[in-house]
Amino acid sequence: YPHFLSYFRLKKARISMIHSNVPLLMKVFRKKTVDLIDETGVDKFTIQKARSDKRIASCRLDSLCKIAAALNVELEDLYEEIQVLEEGSSCTEAE
């Protein structure tokens, strides 16, 4: 196991998921999709992808940078990487 996982014994693999914070940030800063389109020049389809947990990873970096700038946040604020266990998996402390 890699060093950072040595504390745990894995029974099944972890899955890395990307969670989009774009919907929350849009709500906090009172921005609608049309506002982001106007401010960024990014098309509606790309804004919709950025709002989706399943599709934000397929957005181009330059598009995400424009969205972050329009929301006045750092690029890294647009998403979170979440580590989850596969269904039926468990993680126990190594002895």
C-alpha atoms as a PDB file:
ATOM      1  CA  TYR A   1       0.000   0.000   0.000  1.00  0.00           C
ATOM      2  CA  PRO A   2       1.165   3.556  -0.586  1.00  0.00           C
ATOM      3  CA  HIS A   3       2.540   5.220   2.552  1.00  0.00           C
ATOM      4  CA  PHE A   4      -0.506   7.449   3.140  1.00  0.00           C
ATOM      5  CA  LEU A   5      -2.782   4.379   3.192  1.00  0.00           C
ATOM      6  CA  SER A   6      -0.568   2.327   5.498  1.00  0.00           C
ATOM      7  CA  TYR A   7      -2.760   3.211   8.488  1.00  0.00           C
ATOM      8  CA  PHE A   8      -5.728   1.417   6.929  1.00  0.00           C
ATOM      9  CA  ARG A   9      -6.207  -2.018   5.479  1.00  0.00           C
ATOM     10  CA  LEU A  10      -8.550  -1.751   2.514  1.00  0.00           C
ATOM     11  CA  LYS A  11     -10.996  -4.533   1.790  1.00  0.00           C
ATOM     12  CA  LYS A  12     -12.046  -2.945  -1.532  1.00  0.00           C
ATOM     13  CA  ALA A  13     -10.901   0.002  -3.596  1.00  0.00           C
ATOM     14  CA  ARG A  14     -11.749   3.600  -2.847  1.00  0.00           C
ATOM     15  CA  ILE A  15     -13.454   5.658  -5.515  1.00  0.00           C
ATOM     16  CA  SER A  16     -12.532   9.269  -6.098  1.00  0.00           C
ATOM     17  CA  MET A  17     -15.499  11.481  -6.964  1.00  0.00           C
ATOM     18  CA  ILE A  18     -15.647  15.125  -7.917  1.00  0.00           C
ATOM     19  CA  HIS A  19     -18.345  17.217  -6.254  1.00  0.00           C
ATOM     20  CA  SER A  20     -19.273  20.483  -7.980  1.00  0.00           C
ATOM     21  CA  ASN A  21     -19.619  23.526  -5.737  1.00  0.00           C
ATOM     22  CA  VAL A  22     -20.778  25.670  -8.668  1.00  0.00           C
ATOM     23  CA  PRO A  23     -24.524  25.490  -7.853  1.00  0.00           C
ATOM     24  CA  LEU A  24     -23.872  26.542  -4.252  1.00  0.00           C
ATOM     25  CA  LEU A  25     -21.519  29.349  -5.298  1.00  0.00           C
ATOM     26  CA  MET A  26     -24.040  30.600  -7.854  1.00  0.00           C
ATOM     27  CA  LYS A  27     -26.687  30.689  -5.141  1.00  0.00           C
ATOM     28  CA  VAL A  28     -24.412  32.426  -2.625  1.00  0.00           C
ATOM     29  CA  PHE A  29     -23.349  35.090  -5.138  1.00  0.00           C
ATOM     30  CA  ARG A  30     -26.847  35.333  -6.664  1.00  0.00           C
ATOM     31  CA  LYS A  31     -25.698  34.438 -10.168  1.00  0.00           C
ATOM     32  CA  LYS A  32     -27.949  32.803 -12.729  1.00  0.00           C
ATOM     33  CA  THR A  33     -26.765  30.734 -15.652  1.00  0.00           C
ATOM     34  CA  VAL A  34     -27.450  33.640 -17.991  1.00  0.00           C
ATOM     35  CA  ASP A  35     -25.244  35.896 -15.810  1.00  0.00           C
ATOM     36  CA  LEU A  36     -22.318  33.482 -16.107  1.00  0.00           C
ATOM     37  CA  ILE A  37     -22.832  33.170 -19.857  1.00  0.00           C
ATOM     38  CA  ASP A  38     -22.726  36.968 -20.216  1.00  0.00           C
ATOM     39  CA  GLU A  39     -19.731  37.433 -17.903  1.00  0.00           C
ATOM     40  CA  THR A  40     -17.605  34.541 -19.140  1.00  0.00           C
ATOM     41  CA  GLY A  41     -18.497  34.003 -22.792  1.00  0.00           C
ATOM     42  CA  VAL A  42     -18.848  30.314 -21.913  1.00  0.00           C
ATOM     43  CA  ASP A  43     -21.860  28.589 -23.487  1.00  0.00           C
ATOM     44  CA  LYS A  44     -24.908  27.318 -21.586  1.00  0.00           C
ATOM     45  CA  PHE A  45     -23.979  23.647 -22.086  1.00  0.00           C
ATOM     46  CA  THR A  46     -20.579  24.198 -20.404  1.00  0.00           C
ATOM     47  CA  ILE A  47     -22.158  26.043 -17.463  1.00  0.00           C
ATOM     48  CA  GLN A  48     -24.563  23.119 -17.048  1.00  0.00           C
ATOM     49  CA  LYS A  49     -21.633  20.657 -17.120  1.00  0.00           C
ATOM     50  CA  ALA A  50     -19.807  22.699 -14.463  1.00  0.00           C
ATOM     51  CA  ARG A  51     -22.906  22.540 -12.232  1.00  0.00           C
ATOM     52  CA  SER A  52     -23.035  18.733 -12.438  1.00  0.00           C
ATOM     53  CA  ASP A  53     -21.074  16.379 -10.162  1.00  0.00           C
ATOM     54  CA  LYS A  54     -20.917  13.817 -12.949  1.00  0.00           C
ATOM     55  CA  ARG A  55     -19.780  16.201 -15.681  1.00  0.00           C
ATOM     56  CA  ILE A  56     -17.629  18.942 -14.125  1.00  0.00           C
ATOM     57  CA  ALA A  57     -14.496  16.841 -14.659  1.00  0.00           C
ATOM     58  CA  SER A  58     -15.076  16.990 -18.415  1.00  0.00           C
ATOM     59  CA  CYS A  59     -15.019  20.813 -18.472  1.00  0.00           C
ATOM     60  CA  ARG A  60     -12.026  22.521 -20.026  1.00  0.00           C
ATOM     61  CA  LEU A  61      -9.687  24.188 -17.565  1.00  0.00           C
ATOM     62  CA  ASP A  62      -9.952  27.576 -19.286  1.00  0.00           C
ATOM     63  CA  SER A  63     -13.765  27.443 -18.981  1.00  0.00           C
ATOM     64  CA  LEU A  64     -13.570  26.643 -15.275  1.00  0.00           C
ATOM     65  CA  CYS A  65     -11.097  29.505 -14.791  1.00  0.00           C
ATOM     66  CA  LYS A  66     -13.552  31.925 -16.429  1.00  0.00           C
ATOM     67  CA  ILE A  67     -16.397  30.645 -14.247  1.00  0.00           C
ATOM     68  CA  ALA A  68     -14.251  31.003 -11.109  1.00  0.00           C
ATOM     69  CA  ALA A  69     -13.327  34.567 -12.089  1.00  0.00           C
ATOM     70  CA  ALA A  70     -16.988  35.479 -12.669  1.00  0.00           C
ATOM     71  CA  LEU A  71     -17.847  34.106  -9.227  1.00  0.00           C
ATOM     72  CA  ASN A  72     -14.796  35.849  -7.715  1.00  0.00           C
ATOM     73  CA  VAL A  73     -13.441  32.596  -6.258  1.00  0.00           C
ATOM     74  CA  GLU A  74     -10.346  30.472  -6.753  1.00  0.00           C
ATOM     75  CA  LEU A  75     -10.476  27.649  -9.290  1.00  0.00           C
ATOM     76  CA  GLU A  76     -10.146  25.083  -6.491  1.00  0.00           C
ATOM     77  CA  ASP A  77     -13.312  26.457  -4.860  1.00  0.00           C
ATOM     78  CA  LEU A  78     -15.424  25.198  -7.777  1.00  0.00           C
ATOM     79  CA  TYR A  79     -15.090  21.547  -6.814  1.00  0.00           C
ATOM     80  CA  GLU A  80     -14.107  19.062  -4.118  1.00  0.00           C
ATOM     81  CA  GLU A  81     -12.551  15.648  -4.518  1.00  0.00           C
ATOM     82  CA  ILE A  82     -14.329  13.152  -2.303  1.00  0.00           C
ATOM     83  CA  GLN A  83     -12.955   9.713  -1.457  1.00  0.00           C
ATOM     84  CA  VAL A  84     -15.650   7.086  -0.986  1.00  0.00           C
ATOM     85  CA  LEU A  85     -15.564   3.329  -0.663  1.00  0.00           C
ATOM     86  CA  GLU A  86     -17.191   1.118  -3.247  1.00  0.00           C
ATOM     87  CA  GLU A  87     -20.607  -0.135  -2.220  1.00  0.00           C
ATOM     88  CA  GLY A  88     -20.199  -3.018   0.193  1.00  0.00           C
ATOM     89  CA  SER A  89     -16.615  -2.043   1.035  1.00  0.00           C
ATOM     90  CA  SER A  90     -15.258  -1.286   4.441  1.00  0.00           C
ATOM     91  CA  CYS A  91     -12.099   0.197   5.827  1.00  0.00           C
ATOM     92  CA  THR A  92     -10.548  -1.033   9.047  1.00  0.00           C
ATOM     93  CA  GLU A  93      -7.587   0.166  11.082  1.00  0.00           C
ATOM     94  CA  ALA A  94      -4.415  -1.786  10.482  1.00  0.00           C
ATOM     95  CA  GLU A  95      -3.116  -3.564  13.536  1.00  0.00           C
END
